[in-house]
Protein backbone atom coordinates (compact mmCIF):
# COMPACT_ATOMS: atom_id res chain seq x y z
CA UNK A 1 -0.32 0.07 -0.16
CA UNK A 2 1.34 3.61 -0.67
CA UNK A 3 1.62 5.04 2.28
CA UNK A 4 -0.29 8.32 2.81
CA UNK A 5 2.12 11.02 2.92
CA UNK A 6 1.03 13.16 5.36
CA UNK A 7 1.61 14.43 9.14
CA UNK A 8 -1.15 12.54 11.28
CA UNK A 9 -2.99 15.02 12.90
CA UNK A 10 -3.08 15.56 16.43
CA UNK A 11 -6.67 16.63 18.41
CA UNK A 12 -7.08 17.05 21.90
CA UNK A 13 -8.86 13.64 23.23
CA UNK A 14 -12.70 14.92 23.58
CA UNK A 15 -13.11 13.88 27.38
CA UNK A 16 -9.98 16.09 27.78
CA UNK A 17 -11.07 19.30 26.88
CA UNK A 18 -12.50 22.04 29.23
CA UNK A 19 -13.18 24.74 27.56
CA UNK A 20 -16.01 24.59 24.53
CA UNK A 21 -17.76 27.35 23.01
CA UNK A 22 -20.27 25.85 19.98
CA UNK A 23 -21.88 28.73 19.07
CA UNK A 24 -19.03 31.42 19.76
CA UNK A 25 -15.99 30.86 18.42
CA UNK A 26 -17.02 27.48 16.77
CA UNK A 27 -15.64 23.96 17.56
CA UNK A 28 -14.66 21.29 14.56
CA UNK A 29 -16.14 17.65 15.60
CA UNK A 30 -14.97 14.54 14.70
CA UNK A 31 -17.58 11.86 14.68
CA UNK A 32 -17.85 8.06 13.75
CA UNK A 33 -20.72 8.21 11.79
CA UNK A 34 -22.64 4.81 12.79
CA UNK A 35 -24.71 2.68 10.20
CA UNK A 36 -28.31 3.85 8.53
CA UNK A 37 -27.44 7.56 9.62
CA UNK A 38 -27.62 10.03 7.31
CA UNK A 39 -25.10 12.50 7.78
CA UNK A 40 -27.55 14.80 8.43
CA UNK A 41 -29.11 13.67 11.49
CA UNK A 42 -25.72 13.28 13.03
CA UNK A 43 -25.83 17.17 12.29
CA UNK A 44 -29.37 17.32 13.58
CA UNK A 45 -28.13 15.53 16.61
CA UNK A 46 -25.07 18.02 17.57
CA UNK A 47 -27.55 20.33 16.95
CA UNK A 48 -29.89 19.26 19.24
CA UNK A 49 -27.07 18.03 22.06
CA UNK A 50 -25.18 21.39 22.46
CA UNK A 51 -27.84 23.63 21.56
CA UNK A 52 -25.57 24.83 18.51
CA UNK A 53 -27.06 27.63 16.14
CA UNK A 54 -25.09 26.81 13.29
CA UNK A 55 -23.69 23.73 12.08
CA UNK A 56 -23.05 21.81 9.13
CA UNK A 57 -20.65 18.91 7.64
CA UNK A 58 -17.74 18.34 5.38
CA UNK A 59 -18.67 15.60 3.05
CA UNK A 60 -21.68 12.99 2.94
CA UNK A 61 -21.40 9.59 4.02
CA UNK A 62 -23.97 7.44 2.97
CA UNK A 63 -26.94 5.76 5.47
CA UNK A 64 -25.07 1.92 4.93
CA UNK A 65 -21.23 3.81 5.59
CA UNK A 66 -19.80 4.67 8.63
CA UNK A 67 -16.87 6.17 9.43
CA UNK A 68 -15.53 9.70 9.85
CA UNK A 69 -17.23 12.80 9.58
CA UNK A 70 -16.49 16.03 10.19
CA UNK A 71 -18.29 18.53 11.64
CA UNK A 72 -18.26 22.35 12.07
CA UNK A 73 -20.84 24.77 13.89
CA UNK A 74 -21.04 28.55 14.62
CA UNK A 75 -18.31 30.59 12.78
CA UNK A 76 -16.31 27.34 11.61
CA UNK A 77 -19.10 26.78 9.32
CA UNK A 78 -17.37 29.21 7.12
CA UNK A 79 -14.18 27.26 7.15
CA UNK A 80 -15.89 23.97 5.77
CA UNK A 81 -14.73 23.96 2.19
CA UNK A 82 -11.20 23.39 3.06
CA UNK A 83 -12.08 20.01 4.75
CA UNK A 84 -14.01 19.20 1.72
CA UNK A 85 -11.75 19.37 -0.64
CA UNK A 86 -9.59 17.09 1.23
CA UNK A 87 -8.66 13.47 0.22
CA UNK A 88 -10.21 10.68 1.38
CA UNK A 89 -9.55 6.55 2.97
CA UNK A 90 -11.67 4.30 3.06
CA UNK A 91 -12.02 0.55 3.92
CA UNK A 92 -15.21 -1.59 2.64
CA UNK A 93 -16.39 -5.00 1.24
CA UNK A 94 -17.10 -5.95 -2.74
CA UNK A 95 -19.13 -8.87 -3.36
CA UNK A 96 -18.45 -10.53 -7.00
CA UNK A 97 -21.10 -12.00 -9.29
CA UNK A 98 -23.80 -9.27 -8.40
CA UNK A 99 -25.43 -5.91 -9.20
CA UNK A 100 -27.95 -3.71 -8.13
CA UNK A 101 -29.29 -0.40 -9.47
CA UNK A 102 -27.80 1.61 -6.43
CA UNK A 103 -24.37 -0.25 -7.02
CA UNK A 104 -24.44 -1.37 -2.85
CA UNK A 105 -27.08 -2.93 -0.84
CA UNK A 106 -29.39 -0.44 -0.56
CA UNK A 107 -31.34 -1.60 -3.89
CA UNK A 108 -32.25 -4.69 -4.88
CA UNK A 109 -30.07 -7.81 -6.75
CA UNK A 110 -31.42 -7.49 -10.50
CA UNK A 111 -28.48 -9.23 -12.44
CA UNK A 112 -26.34 -12.15 -11.11
CA UNK A 113 -23.65 -13.72 -12.80
CA UNK A 114 -20.74 -15.99 -12.62
CA UNK A 115 -17.52 -15.54 -11.55
CA UNK A 116 -15.67 -18.91 -11.59
CA UNK A 117 -12.52 -17.68 -13.92
CA UNK A 118 -11.71 -14.87 -11.70
CA UNK A 119 -8.97 -15.12 -9.80
CA UNK A 120 -6.78 -13.13 -6.81
CA UNK A 121 -4.33 -12.19 -9.63
CA UNK A 122 -7.74 -10.67 -11.94
CA UNK A 123 -8.99 -8.94 -8.91
CA UNK A 124 -5.26 -7.03 -8.41
CA UNK A 125 -4.82 -6.18 -11.92
CA UNK A 126 -8.00 -4.83 -12.01
CA UNK A 127 -7.76 -2.70 -9.07
CA UNK A 128 -4.79 -1.91 -10.22
CA UNK A 129 -5.90 -0.35 -13.56
CA UNK A 130 -8.20 2.19 -11.38
CA UNK A 131 -5.27 4.00 -9.71
CA UNK A 132 -4.82 7.39 -11.29
CA UNK A 133 -6.75 10.39 -12.65
CA UNK A 134 -9.83 9.69 -14.32
CA UNK A 135 -13.72 11.00 -15.03
CA UNK A 136 -16.35 9.60 -12.96
CA UNK A 137 -19.99 10.04 -13.66
CA UNK A 138 -22.04 9.97 -10.56
CA UNK A 139 -24.69 7.44 -9.85
CA UNK A 140 -28.31 7.56 -9.94
CA UNK A 141 -28.52 6.67 -6.28
CA UNK A 142 -26.67 9.74 -4.77
CA UNK A 143 -27.50 13.01 -3.66
CA UNK A 144 -25.61 14.72 -6.56
CA UNK A 145 -28.33 17.38 -7.77
CA UNK A 146 -29.53 17.88 -10.86
CA UNK A 147 -32.14 20.52 -12.07
CA UNK A 148 -32.03 21.21 -8.05
CA UNK A 149 -32.95 17.98 -7.05
CA UNK A 150 -30.91 15.00 -5.52
CA UNK A 151 -30.51 12.18 -8.13
CA UNK A 152 -31.44 9.76 -6.00
CA UNK A 153 -35.26 11.24 -6.10
CA UNK A 154 -35.62 10.44 -10.23
CA UNK A 155 -33.82 6.92 -9.09
CA UNK A 156 -36.95 6.41 -6.88
CA UNK A 157 -39.08 6.77 -9.59
CA UNK A 158 -37.58 4.66 -12.52
CA UNK A 159 -36.03 8.02 -13.95
CA UNK A 160 -32.44 8.09 -15.20
CA UNK A 161 -31.02 11.24 -16.36
CA UNK A 162 -27.63 11.98 -18.28
CA UNK A 163 -24.78 13.34 -15.41
CA UNK A 164 -22.01 15.22 -16.38
CA UNK A 165 -18.75 13.25 -15.70
CA UNK A 166 -16.40 14.36 -12.65
CA UNK A 167 -12.28 14.22 -12.57
CA UNK A 168 -11.20 12.60 -10.09
CA UNK A 169 -7.88 10.47 -8.62
CA UNK A 170 -7.56 7.29 -7.50
CA UNK A 171 -4.40 7.39 -5.32
CA UNK A 172 -4.49 4.01 -4.24
CA UNK A 173 -6.69 0.77 -3.99
CA UNK A 174 -5.39 -2.19 -2.48
CA UNK A 175 -6.86 -5.54 -1.93
CA UNK A 176 -6.53 -6.20 1.94
CA UNK A 177 -8.62 -10.07 2.09
CA UNK A 178 -10.29 -12.52 -0.48
CA UNK A 179 -12.80 -14.70 0.57
CA UNK A 180 -14.71 -15.33 -2.71
CA UNK A 181 -17.40 -13.99 -3.31
CA UNK A 182 -16.13 -11.25 -0.78
CA UNK A 183 -13.25 -8.93 -1.59
CA UNK A 184 -12.33 -6.74 0.98
CA UNK A 185 -10.11 -3.29 0.41
CA UNK A 186 -8.68 -0.29 0.88
CA UNK A 187 -9.03 2.99 -1.11
CA UNK A 188 -7.62 6.45 -1.04
CA UNK A 189 -8.82 9.19 -3.01
CA UNK A 190 -9.94 12.96 -3.96
CA UNK A 191 -13.23 14.47 -3.26
CA UNK A 192 -15.90 13.56 -4.95
CA UNK A 193 -15.12 10.15 -5.53
CA UNK A 194 -17.99 7.34 -5.39
CA UNK A 195 -16.72 4.57 -4.39
CA UNK A 196 -19.98 2.26 -5.17
CA UNK A 197 -19.56 3.89 -9.06
CA UNK A 198 -15.56 2.30 -8.53
CA UNK A 199 -16.85 -0.84 -7.33
CA UNK A 200 -19.41 -1.67 -10.34
CA UNK A 201 -16.10 -0.40 -12.67
CA UNK A 202 -14.75 -3.42 -11.26
CA UNK A 203 -17.30 -5.87 -11.71
CA UNK A 204 -17.63 -4.45 -14.98
CA UNK A 205 -13.90 -4.70 -15.80
CA UNK A 206 -13.33 -8.56 -14.15
CA UNK A 207 -16.98 -9.68 -16.54
CA UNK A 208 -18.97 -10.32 -13.32
CA UNK A 209 -20.55 -7.87 -11.97
CA UNK A 210 -19.52 -6.05 -8.59
CA UNK A 211 -21.96 -4.66 -5.48
CA UNK A 212 -20.30 -2.77 -2.80
CA UNK A 213 -21.53 -4.46 0.82
CA UNK A 214 -19.99 -2.18 3.68
CA UNK A 215 -17.86 0.78 3.79
CA UNK A 216 -16.20 3.28 6.38
CA UNK A 217 -14.59 6.31 5.78
CA UNK A 218 -11.44 6.13 8.26
CA UNK A 219 -9.66 9.56 7.23
CA UNK A 220 -9.86 13.03 5.74
CA UNK A 221 -7.02 14.88 4.66
CA UNK A 222 -4.80 14.49 8.32
CA UNK A 223 -7.88 13.41 10.40
CA UNK A 224 -8.37 9.92 11.64
CA UNK A 225 -11.86 8.17 12.16
CA UNK A 226 -9.40 6.84 15.61
CA UNK A 227 -9.79 10.89 16.85
CA UNK A 228 -13.22 10.38 15.87
CA UNK A 229 -16.28 10.76 18.73
CA UNK A 230 -19.27 7.92 18.66
CA UNK A 231 -22.50 9.37 19.06
CA UNK A 232 -22.81 7.32 22.53
CA UNK A 233 -19.82 9.91 23.68
CA UNK A 234 -21.28 12.74 22.37
CA UNK A 235 -24.33 12.15 24.37
CA UNK A 236 -22.11 11.91 27.51
CA UNK A 237 -20.19 15.10 26.72
CA UNK A 238 -23.10 16.84 26.21
CA UNK A 239 -24.81 15.59 29.64
CA UNK A 240 -21.25 17.19 31.17
CA UNK A 241 -21.25 20.64 29.67
CA UNK A 242 -24.67 21.63 29.10
CA UNK A 243 -24.82 22.87 32.51
CA UNK A 244 -21.55 25.08 31.65
CA UNK A 245 -23.20 26.27 28.63
CA UNK A 246 -25.95 27.42 30.06
CA UNK A 247 -24.37 29.21 32.98
CA UNK A 248 -22.33 31.00 30.34
CA UNK A 249 -25.27 32.31 28.33
CA UNK A 250 -26.95 33.51 32.08
CA UNK A 251 -24.04 35.24 32.67
CA UNK A 252 -23.95 37.06 29.38
CA UNK A 253 -27.42 38.25 29.44
CA UNK A 254 -27.22 42.14 30.61
CA UNK A 255 -29.15 42.89 33.82
């Protein structure tokens, strides 16, 4: 695997931080998004827990994916774009021999093909062919917009629209484990890359089809999921700091 060149970002452990200011100066939060939650579900939870007026995330994760989500609150939301543009790293599992309309397990299997002639060497070679700069068309089941609406709204009605390809770069695409029909992998890529589409392309190249079964984002730039807080940890933090936040607001109100 090609090593990530950046120095890991050093974050103060959340439980050790004493002074929180979600609305004044703003806070940068690393959250480990759970499965089945949308990225906006996490934003809404943070707003509710800490009574945050303004908050946003720096890059959507599908409900079927887990892992690192960067949130900014207060004035820091103006800096979100600098996080959106950072490169990403994921760990995932694909299954050979099947295809779905969404390229993942969100929708039912519509195609099944034989994969008996697919070898470990062919899999590794196919992945290596996708390393580098390329164009990618956003999948219909995605939050990319067309006519002001997310593409998935058209897809769920059975409508396909023409999408413009986007320039992306895959900097690393490595097999972690092969246990056919499942293949575990690690991929590093530029912003705007759809891993579901990449997996579908791999399946097409191998001639048997493929579907993304699981995905976890482990890194955004120099920020790592190992430094992220779970929803449960955020709930515990809220119970700890809310009295301080409320007392601060009360003392700031003129008599």
